Amino acid sequence: MEDLKTTLKQQIIESLNLQGMKPEDIDDNAPLFGDGLGLDSIDSLELMVLLERNYGIKIEDAREGRKVLGSVQTMAEYIQQHRTV
């Protein structure tokens, strides 16, 4: 799971073009939106594309998406349970 979280952090940094940020700068349990990493709704769309492209996961329900995209930890857990790629 640690490897997945590190990979996921790197993918988030690259996908969202978070310049100057390193995977170790992102806390596994910190919120990705709001007071945490400070992502916005456009970023959430990018993360949904990242999940579909890299892990074969398509999230249709917005409420489920909010839970999944809560933190790197919640994303990694969801990926482990639902990945198809």
PDB file of N, CA and C in Angstrom:
ATOM      1  N   MET A   1       0.820  -1.197   0.000  1.00  0.00           N
ATOM      2  CA  MET A   1       0.000   0.000   0.000  1.00  0.00           C
ATOM      3  C   MET A   1       0.866   1.264   0.000  1.00  0.00           C
ATOM      4  N   GLU A   2       2.022   1.217   0.674  1.00  0.00           N
ATOM      5  CA  GLU A   2       2.893   2.400   0.706  1.00  0.00           C
ATOM      6  C   GLU A   2       3.389   2.765  -0.696  1.00  0.00           C
ATOM      7  N   ASP A   3       3.725   1.744  -1.493  1.00  0.00           N
ATOM      8  CA  ASP A   3       4.170   1.996  -2.865  1.00  0.00           C
ATOM      9  C   ASP A   3       3.050   2.651  -3.674  1.00  0.00           C
ATOM     10  N   LEU A   4       1.830   2.163  -3.490  1.00  0.00           N
ATOM     11  CA  LEU A   4       0.680   2.726  -4.190  1.00  0.00           C
ATOM     12  C   LEU A   4       0.479   4.187  -3.805  1.00  0.00           C
ATOM     13  N   LYS A   5       0.588   4.499  -2.525  1.00  0.00           N
ATOM     14  CA  LYS A   5       0.397   5.883  -2.074  1.00  0.00           C
ATOM     15  C   LYS A   5       1.475   6.804  -2.645  1.00  0.00           C
ATOM     16  N   THR A   6       2.713   6.333  -2.677  1.00  0.00           N
ATOM     17  CA  THR A   6       3.800   7.140  -3.240  1.00  0.00           C
ATOM     18  C   THR A   6       3.567   7.366  -4.730  1.00  0.00           C
ATOM     19  N   THR A   7       3.181   6.311  -5.435  1.00  0.00           N
ATOM     20  CA  THR A   7       2.889   6.429  -6.871  1.00  0.00           C
ATOM     21  C   THR A   7       1.737   7.389  -7.095  1.00  0.00           C
ATOM     22  N   LEU A   8       0.718   7.262  -6.288  1.00  0.00           N
ATOM     23  CA  LEU A   8      -0.460   8.121  -6.404  1.00  0.00           C
ATOM     24  C   LEU A   8      -0.105   9.587  -6.172  1.00  0.00           C
ATOM     25  N   LYS A   9       0.711   9.845  -5.179  1.00  0.00           N
ATOM     26  CA  LYS A   9       1.152  11.226  -4.914  1.00  0.00           C
ATOM     27  C   LYS A   9       1.896  11.788  -6.116  1.00  0.00           C
ATOM     28  N   GLN A  10       2.785  10.990  -6.703  1.00  0.00           N
ATOM     29  CA  GLN A  10       3.543  11.430  -7.873  1.00  0.00           C
ATOM     30  C   GLN A  10       2.597  11.717  -9.035  1.00  0.00           C
ATOM     31  N   GLN A  11       1.610  10.841  -9.230  1.00  0.00           N
ATOM     32  CA  GLN A  11       0.637  11.038 -10.312  1.00  0.00           C
ATOM     33  C   GLN A  11      -0.195  12.302 -10.081  1.00  0.00           C
ATOM     34  N   ILE A  12      -0.563  12.566  -8.836  1.00  0.00           N
ATOM     35  CA  ILE A  12      -1.325  13.779  -8.521  1.00  0.00           C
ATOM     36  C   ILE A  12      -0.483  15.013  -8.837  1.00  0.00           C
ATOM     37  N   ILE A  13       0.764  15.006  -8.418  1.00  0.00           N
ATOM     38  CA  ILE A  13       1.661  16.143  -8.664  1.00  0.00           C
ATOM     39  C   ILE A  13       1.809  16.391 -10.158  1.00  0.00           C
ATOM     40  N   GLU A  14       2.028  15.319 -10.933  1.00  0.00           N
ATOM     41  CA  GLU A  14       2.212  15.468 -12.379  1.00  0.00           C
ATOM     42  C   GLU A  14       0.911  15.873 -13.067  1.00  0.00           C
ATOM     43  N   SER A  15      -0.173  15.219 -12.706  1.00  0.00           N
ATOM     44  CA  SER A  15      -1.453  15.469 -13.358  1.00  0.00           C
ATOM     45  C   SER A  15      -1.961  16.890 -13.109  1.00  0.00           C
ATOM     46  N   LEU A  16      -1.747  17.388 -11.887  1.00  0.00           N
ATOM     47  CA  LEU A  16      -2.244  18.721 -11.529  1.00  0.00           C
ATOM     48  C   LEU A  16      -1.169  19.799 -11.653  1.00  0.00           C
ATOM     49  N   ASN A  17       0.003  19.397 -12.141  1.00  0.00           N
ATOM     50  CA  ASN A  17       1.106  20.339 -12.352  1.00  0.00           C
ATOM     51  C   ASN A  17       1.418  21.150 -11.086  1.00  0.00           C
ATOM     52  N   LEU A  18       1.584  20.436  -9.976  1.00  0.00           N
ATOM     53  CA  LEU A  18       1.889  21.080  -8.697  1.00  0.00           C
ATOM     54  C   LEU A  18       3.396  21.288  -8.604  1.00  0.00           C
ATOM     55  N   GLN A  19       3.857  22.348  -9.225  1.00  0.00           N
ATOM     56  CA  GLN A  19       5.284  22.610  -9.337  1.00  0.00           C
ATOM     57  C   GLN A  19       5.932  22.820  -7.973  1.00  0.00           C
ATOM     58  N   GLY A  20       7.126  22.271  -7.839  1.00  0.00           N
ATOM     59  CA  GLY A  20       7.895  22.429  -6.612  1.00  0.00           C
ATOM     60  C   GLY A  20       7.458  21.495  -5.495  1.00  0.00           C
ATOM     61  N   MET A  21       6.497  20.645  -5.756  1.00  0.00           N
ATOM     62  CA  MET A  21       6.009  19.737  -4.726  1.00  0.00           C
ATOM     63  C   MET A  21       6.584  18.340  -4.943  1.00  0.00           C
ATOM     64  N   LYS A  22       6.866  17.652  -3.852  1.00  0.00           N
ATOM     65  CA  LYS A  22       7.377  16.287  -3.904  1.00  0.00           C
ATOM     66  C   LYS A  22       6.383  15.375  -3.204  1.00  0.00           C
ATOM     67  N   PRO A  23       6.387  14.076  -3.534  1.00  0.00           N
ATOM     68  CA  PRO A  23       5.454  13.147  -2.880  1.00  0.00           C
ATOM     69  C   PRO A  23       5.502  13.223  -1.345  1.00  0.00           C
ATOM     70  N   GLU A  24       6.687  13.384  -0.793  1.00  0.00           N
ATOM     71  CA  GLU A  24       6.803  13.439   0.667  1.00  0.00           C
ATOM     72  C   GLU A  24       6.186  14.704   1.271  1.00  0.00           C
ATOM     73  N   ASP A  25       5.871  15.700   0.436  1.00  0.00           N
ATOM     74  CA  ASP A  25       5.220  16.924   0.909  1.00  0.00           C
ATOM     75  C   ASP A  25       3.728  16.720   1.164  1.00  0.00           C
ATOM     76  N   ILE A  26       3.180  15.619   0.654  1.00  0.00           N
ATOM     77  CA  ILE A  26       1.747  15.373   0.783  1.00  0.00           C
ATOM     78  C   ILE A  26       1.523  14.334   1.869  1.00  0.00           C
ATOM     79  N   ASP A  27       0.799  14.718   2.910  1.00  0.00           N
ATOM     80  CA  ASP A  27       0.458  13.805   3.999  1.00  0.00           C
ATOM     81  C   ASP A  27      -0.627  12.843   3.523  1.00  0.00           C
ATOM     82  N   ASP A  28      -0.470  11.562   3.844  1.00  0.00           N
ATOM     83  CA  ASP A  28      -1.425  10.544   3.397  1.00  0.00           C
ATOM     84  C   ASP A  28      -2.856  10.854   3.806  1.00  0.00           C
ATOM     85  N   ASN A  29      -3.040  11.419   4.992  1.00  0.00           N
ATOM     86  CA  ASN A  29      -4.372  11.629   5.534  1.00  0.00           C
ATOM     87  C   ASN A  29      -4.855  13.070   5.457  1.00  0.00           C
ATOM     88  N   ALA A  30      -4.052  13.955   4.905  1.00  0.00           N
ATOM     89  CA  ALA A  30      -4.464  15.360   4.783  1.00  0.00           C
ATOM     90  C   ALA A  30      -5.547  15.482   3.712  1.00  0.00           C
ATOM     91  N   PRO A  31      -6.539  16.340   3.952  1.00  0.00           N
ATOM     92  CA  PRO A  31      -7.573  16.546   2.936  1.00  0.00           C
ATOM     93  C   PRO A  31      -6.945  17.075   1.642  1.00  0.00           C
ATOM     94  N   LEU A  32      -7.435  16.585   0.516  1.00  0.00           N
ATOM     95  CA  LEU A  32      -6.922  17.069  -0.766  1.00  0.00           C
ATOM     96  C   LEU A  32      -7.556  18.410  -1.141  1.00  0.00           C
ATOM     97  N   PHE A  33      -8.757  18.658  -0.628  1.00  0.00           N
ATOM     98  CA  PHE A  33      -9.479  19.879  -0.968  1.00  0.00           C
ATOM     99  C   PHE A  33      -9.584  20.777   0.255  1.00  0.00           C
ATOM    100  N   GLY A  34      -9.846  22.063   0.020  1.00  0.00           N
ATOM    101  CA  GLY A  34     -10.007  23.002   1.127  1.00  0.00           C
ATOM    102  C   GLY A  34      -8.703  23.277   1.839  1.00  0.00           C
ATOM    103  N   ASP A  35      -8.735  23.125   3.168  1.00  0.00           N
ATOM    104  CA  ASP A  35      -7.586  23.486   4.005  1.00  0.00           C
ATOM    105  C   ASP A  35      -6.376  22.581   3.832  1.00  0.00           C
ATOM    106  N   GLY A  36      -6.550  21.424   3.249  1.00  0.00           N
ATOM    107  CA  GLY A  36      -5.423  20.509   3.062  1.00  0.00           C
ATOM    108  C   GLY A  36      -4.530  20.953   1.919  1.00  0.00           C
ATOM    109  N   LEU A  37      -4.576  20.204   0.825  1.00  0.00           N
ATOM    110  CA  LEU A  37      -3.749  20.499  -0.346  1.00  0.00           C
ATOM    111  C   LEU A  37      -4.295  21.692  -1.127  1.00  0.00           C
ATOM    112  N   GLY A  38      -5.557  22.039  -0.886  1.00  0.00           N
ATOM    113  CA  GLY A  38      -6.143  23.227  -1.508  1.00  0.00           C
ATOM    114  C   GLY A  38      -6.626  23.024  -2.932  1.00  0.00           C
ATOM    115  N   LEU A  39      -6.960  21.792  -3.298  1.00  0.00           N
ATOM    116  CA  LEU A  39      -7.454  21.532  -4.645  1.00  0.00           C
ATOM    117  C   LEU A  39      -8.872  22.062  -4.804  1.00  0.00           C
ATOM    118  N   ASP A  40      -9.301  22.218  -6.074  1.00  0.00           N
ATOM    119  CA  ASP A  40     -10.644  22.728  -6.345  1.00  0.00           C
ATOM    120  C   ASP A  40     -11.409  21.757  -7.246  1.00  0.00           C
ATOM    121  N   SER A  41     -12.595  22.177  -7.699  1.00  0.00           N
ATOM    122  CA  SER A  41     -13.461  21.282  -8.475  1.00  0.00           C
ATOM    123  C   SER A  41     -12.846  20.882  -9.816  1.00  0.00           C
ATOM    124  N   ILE A  42     -12.092  21.761 -10.436  1.00  0.00           N
ATOM    125  CA  ILE A  42     -11.410  21.415 -11.687  1.00  0.00           C
ATOM    126  C   ILE A  42     -10.388  20.307 -11.412  1.00  0.00           C
ATOM    127  N   ASP A  43      -9.677  20.432 -10.296  1.00  0.00           N
ATOM    128  CA  ASP A  43      -8.708  19.407  -9.918  1.00  0.00           C
ATOM    129  C   ASP A  43      -9.394  18.065  -9.686  1.00  0.00           C
ATOM    130  N   SER A  44     -10.607  18.092  -9.127  1.00  0.00           N
ATOM    131  CA  SER A  44     -11.311  16.832  -8.876  1.00  0.00           C
ATOM    132  C   SER A  44     -11.610  16.111 -10.186  1.00  0.00           C
ATOM    133  N   LEU A  45     -11.923  16.857 -11.229  1.00  0.00           N
ATOM    134  CA  LEU A  45     -12.146  16.246 -12.542  1.00  0.00           C
ATOM    135  C   LEU A  45     -10.860  15.595 -13.055  1.00  0.00           C
ATOM    136  N   GLU A  46      -9.749  16.277 -12.867  1.00  0.00           N
ATOM    137  CA  GLU A  46      -8.453  15.725 -13.279  1.00  0.00           C
ATOM    138  C   GLU A  46      -8.144  14.429 -12.513  1.00  0.00           C
ATOM    139  N   LEU A  47      -8.476  14.413 -11.228  1.00  0.00           N
ATOM    140  CA  LEU A  47      -8.227  13.214 -10.428  1.00  0.00           C
ATOM    141  C   LEU A  47      -9.119  12.061 -10.873  1.00  0.00           C
ATOM    142  N   MET A  48     -10.349  12.369 -11.275  1.00  0.00           N
ATOM    143  CA  MET A  48     -11.256  11.334 -11.780  1.00  0.00           C
ATOM    144  C   MET A  48     -10.687  10.733 -13.072  1.00  0.00           C
ATOM    145  N   VAL A  49     -10.146  11.581 -13.931  1.00  0.00           N
ATOM    146  CA  VAL A  49      -9.520  11.104 -15.174  1.00  0.00           C
ATOM    147  C   VAL A  49      -8.305  10.242 -14.839  1.00  0.00           C
ATOM    148  N   LEU A  50      -7.518  10.674 -13.869  1.00  0.00           N
ATOM    149  CA  LEU A  50      -6.342   9.917 -13.433  1.00  0.00           C
ATOM    150  C   LEU A  50      -6.753   8.518 -12.960  1.00  0.00           C
ATOM    151  N   LEU A  51      -7.808   8.428 -12.163  1.00  0.00           N
ATOM    152  CA  LEU A  51      -8.267   7.123 -11.666  1.00  0.00           C
ATOM    153  C   LEU A  51      -8.723   6.220 -12.803  1.00  0.00           C
ATOM    154  N   GLU A  52      -9.429   6.810 -13.762  1.00  0.00           N
ATOM    155  CA  GLU A  52      -9.926   6.005 -14.877  1.00  0.00           C
ATOM    156  C   GLU A  52      -8.784   5.550 -15.788  1.00  0.00           C
ATOM    157  N   ARG A  53      -7.900   6.476 -16.117  1.00  0.00           N
ATOM    158  CA  ARG A  53      -6.805   6.178 -17.040  1.00  0.00           C
ATOM    159  C   ARG A  53      -5.798   5.194 -16.455  1.00  0.00           C
ATOM    160  N   ASN A  54      -5.411   5.396 -15.204  1.00  0.00           N
ATOM    161  CA  ASN A  54      -4.339   4.601 -14.619  1.00  0.00           C
ATOM    162  C   ASN A  54      -4.801   3.337 -13.892  1.00  0.00           C
ATOM    163  N   TYR A  55      -6.065   3.331 -13.450  1.00  0.00           N
ATOM    164  CA  TYR A  55      -6.519   2.214 -12.625  1.00  0.00           C
ATOM    165  C   TYR A  55      -7.818   1.575 -13.114  1.00  0.00           C
ATOM    166  N   GLY A  56      -8.380   2.094 -14.198  1.00  0.00           N
ATOM    167  CA  GLY A  56      -9.608   1.526 -14.736  1.00  0.00           C
ATOM    168  C   GLY A  56     -10.813   1.758 -13.856  1.00  0.00           C
ATOM    169  N   ILE A  57     -10.768   2.792 -13.020  1.00  0.00           N
ATOM    170  CA  ILE A  57     -11.851   3.078 -12.082  1.00  0.00           C
ATOM    171  C   ILE A  57     -12.638   4.283 -12.573  1.00  0.00           C
ATOM    172  N   LYS A  58     -13.944   4.079 -12.747  1.00  0.00           N
ATOM    173  CA  LYS A  58     -14.819   5.174 -13.148  1.00  0.00           C
ATOM    174  C   LYS A  58     -15.825   5.391 -12.036  1.00  0.00           C
ATOM    175  N   ILE A  59     -15.854   6.585 -11.478  1.00  0.00           N
ATOM    176  CA  ILE A  59     -16.764   6.918 -10.392  1.00  0.00           C
ATOM    177  C   ILE A  59     -17.881   7.782 -10.959  1.00  0.00           C
ATOM    178  N   GLU A  60     -19.095   7.279 -10.904  1.00  0.00           N
ATOM    179  CA  GLU A  60     -20.252   7.980 -11.471  1.00  0.00           C
ATOM    180  C   GLU A  60     -20.952   8.871 -10.431  1.00  0.00           C
ATOM    181  N   ASP A  61     -20.972   8.430  -9.187  1.00  0.00           N
ATOM    182  CA  ASP A  61     -21.717   9.104  -8.123  1.00  0.00           C
ATOM    183  C   ASP A  61     -20.856  10.195  -7.485  1.00  0.00           C
ATOM    184  N   ALA A  62     -21.341  11.428  -7.488  1.00  0.00           N
ATOM    185  CA  ALA A  62     -20.578  12.556  -6.947  1.00  0.00           C
ATOM    186  C   ALA A  62     -20.305  12.385  -5.452  1.00  0.00           C
ATOM    187  N   ARG A  63     -21.272  11.851  -4.710  1.00  0.00           N
ATOM    188  CA  ARG A  63     -21.063  11.653  -3.273  1.00  0.00           C
ATOM    189  C   ARG A  63     -19.953  10.635  -3.018  1.00  0.00           C
ATOM    190  N   GLU A  64     -19.946   9.570  -3.799  1.00  0.00           N
ATOM    191  CA  GLU A  64     -18.891   8.571  -3.671  1.00  0.00           C
ATOM    192  C   GLU A  64     -17.547   9.198  -4.042  1.00  0.00           C
ATOM    193  N   GLY A  65     -17.545  10.014  -5.096  1.00  0.00           N
ATOM    194  CA  GLY A  65     -16.324  10.693  -5.518  1.00  0.00           C
ATOM    195  C   GLY A  65     -15.747  11.573  -4.433  1.00  0.00           C
ATOM    196  N   ARG A  66     -16.605  12.284  -3.715  1.00  0.00           N
ATOM    197  CA  ARG A  66     -16.123  13.145  -2.629  1.00  0.00           C
ATOM    198  C   ARG A  66     -15.443  12.322  -1.538  1.00  0.00           C
ATOM    199  N   LYS A  67     -16.007  11.143  -1.245  1.00  0.00           N
ATOM    200  CA  LYS A  67     -15.392  10.273  -0.228  1.00  0.00           C
ATOM    201  C   LYS A  67     -14.061   9.722  -0.728  1.00  0.00           C
ATOM    202  N   VAL A  68     -14.044   9.242  -1.968  1.00  0.00           N
ATOM    203  CA  VAL A  68     -12.840   8.630  -2.537  1.00  0.00           C
ATOM    204  C   VAL A  68     -11.714   9.645  -2.627  1.00  0.00           C
ATOM    205  N   LEU A  69     -12.027  10.856  -3.041  1.00  0.00           N
ATOM    206  CA  LEU A  69     -11.007  11.892  -3.240  1.00  0.00           C
ATOM    207  C   LEU A  69     -10.716  12.687  -1.966  1.00  0.00           C
ATOM    208  N   GLY A  70     -11.093  12.155  -0.824  1.00  0.00           N
ATOM    209  CA  GLY A  70     -10.875  12.858   0.440  1.00  0.00           C
ATOM    210  C   GLY A  70      -9.411  13.059   0.779  1.00  0.00           C
ATOM    211  N   SER A  71      -8.604  12.024   0.551  1.00  0.00           N
ATOM    212  CA  SER A  71      -7.171  12.078   0.872  1.00  0.00           C
ATOM    213  C   SER A  71      -6.452  11.032   0.027  1.00  0.00           C
ATOM    214  N   VAL A  72      -5.151  11.052   0.073  1.00  0.00           N
ATOM    215  CA  VAL A  72      -4.380  10.032  -0.638  1.00  0.00           C
ATOM    216  C   VAL A  72      -4.715   8.652  -0.059  1.00  0.00           C
ATOM    217  N   GLN A  73      -4.880   8.590   1.262  1.00  0.00           N
ATOM    218  CA  GLN A  73      -5.207   7.328   1.923  1.00  0.00           C
ATOM    219  C   GLN A  73      -6.532   6.759   1.395  1.00  0.00           C
ATOM    220  N   THR A  74      -7.577   7.592   1.317  1.00  0.00           N
ATOM    221  CA  THR A  74      -8.883   7.094   0.854  1.00  0.00           C
ATOM    222  C   THR A  74      -8.819   6.697  -0.618  1.00  0.00           C
ATOM    223  N   MET A  75      -8.049   7.429  -1.402  1.00  0.00           N
ATOM    224  CA  MET A  75      -7.887   7.066  -2.808  1.00  0.00           C
ATOM    225  C   MET A  75      -7.186   5.714  -2.940  1.00  0.00           C
ATOM    226  N   ALA A  76      -6.113   5.514  -2.187  1.00  0.00           N
ATOM    227  CA  ALA A  76      -5.348   4.264  -2.260  1.00  0.00           C
ATOM    228  C   ALA A  76      -6.207   3.074  -1.828  1.00  0.00           C
ATOM    229  N   GLU A  77      -6.983   3.251  -0.770  1.00  0.00           N
ATOM    230  CA  GLU A  77      -7.854   2.166  -0.311  1.00  0.00           C
ATOM    231  C   GLU A  77      -8.883   1.814  -1.382  1.00  0.00           C
ATOM    232  N   TYR A  78      -9.465   2.829  -1.993  1.00  0.00           N
ATOM    233  CA  TYR A  78     -10.474   2.605  -3.034  1.00  0.00           C
ATOM    234  C   TYR A  78      -9.848   1.908  -4.243  1.00  0.00           C
ATOM    235  N   ILE A  79      -8.668   2.344  -4.629  1.00  0.00           N
ATOM    236  CA  ILE A  79      -7.970   1.743  -5.767  1.00  0.00           C
ATOM    237  C   ILE A  79      -7.702   0.266  -5.476  1.00  0.00           C
ATOM    238  N   GLN A  80      -7.230  -0.047  -4.289  1.00  0.00           N
ATOM    239  CA  GLN A  80      -6.945  -1.447  -3.954  1.00  0.00           C
ATOM    240  C   GLN A  80      -8.193  -2.314  -4.056  1.00  0.00           C
ATOM    241  N   GLN A  81      -9.342  -1.767  -3.708  1.00  0.00           N
ATOM    242  CA  GLN A  81     -10.576  -2.537  -3.714  1.00  0.00           C
ATOM    243  C   GLN A  81     -11.213  -2.633  -5.094  1.00  0.00           C
ATOM    244  N   HIS A  82     -10.980  -1.639  -5.962  1.00  0.00           N
ATOM    245  CA  HIS A  82     -11.747  -1.547  -7.208  1.00  0.00           C
ATOM    246  C   HIS A  82     -10.937  -1.516  -8.494  1.00  0.00           C
ATOM    247  N   ARG A  83      -9.637  -1.587  -8.435  1.00  0.00           N
ATOM    248  CA  ARG A  83      -8.835  -1.421  -9.658  1.00  0.00           C
ATOM    249  C   ARG A  83      -9.126  -2.551 -10.635  1.00  0.00           C
ATOM    250  N   THR A  84      -9.127  -2.181 -11.921  1.00  0.00           N
ATOM    251  CA  THR A  84      -9.364  -3.159 -12.976  1.00  0.00           C
ATOM    252  C   THR A  84      -8.172  -3.219 -13.936  1.00  0.00           C
ATOM    253  N   VAL A  85      -7.243  -2.280 -13.805  1.00  0.00           N
ATOM    254  CA  VAL A  85      -6.071  -2.239 -14.692  1.00  0.00           C
ATOM    255  C   VAL A  85      -4.849  -2.645 -13.917  1.00  0.00           C
TER     256      VAL A  85
END
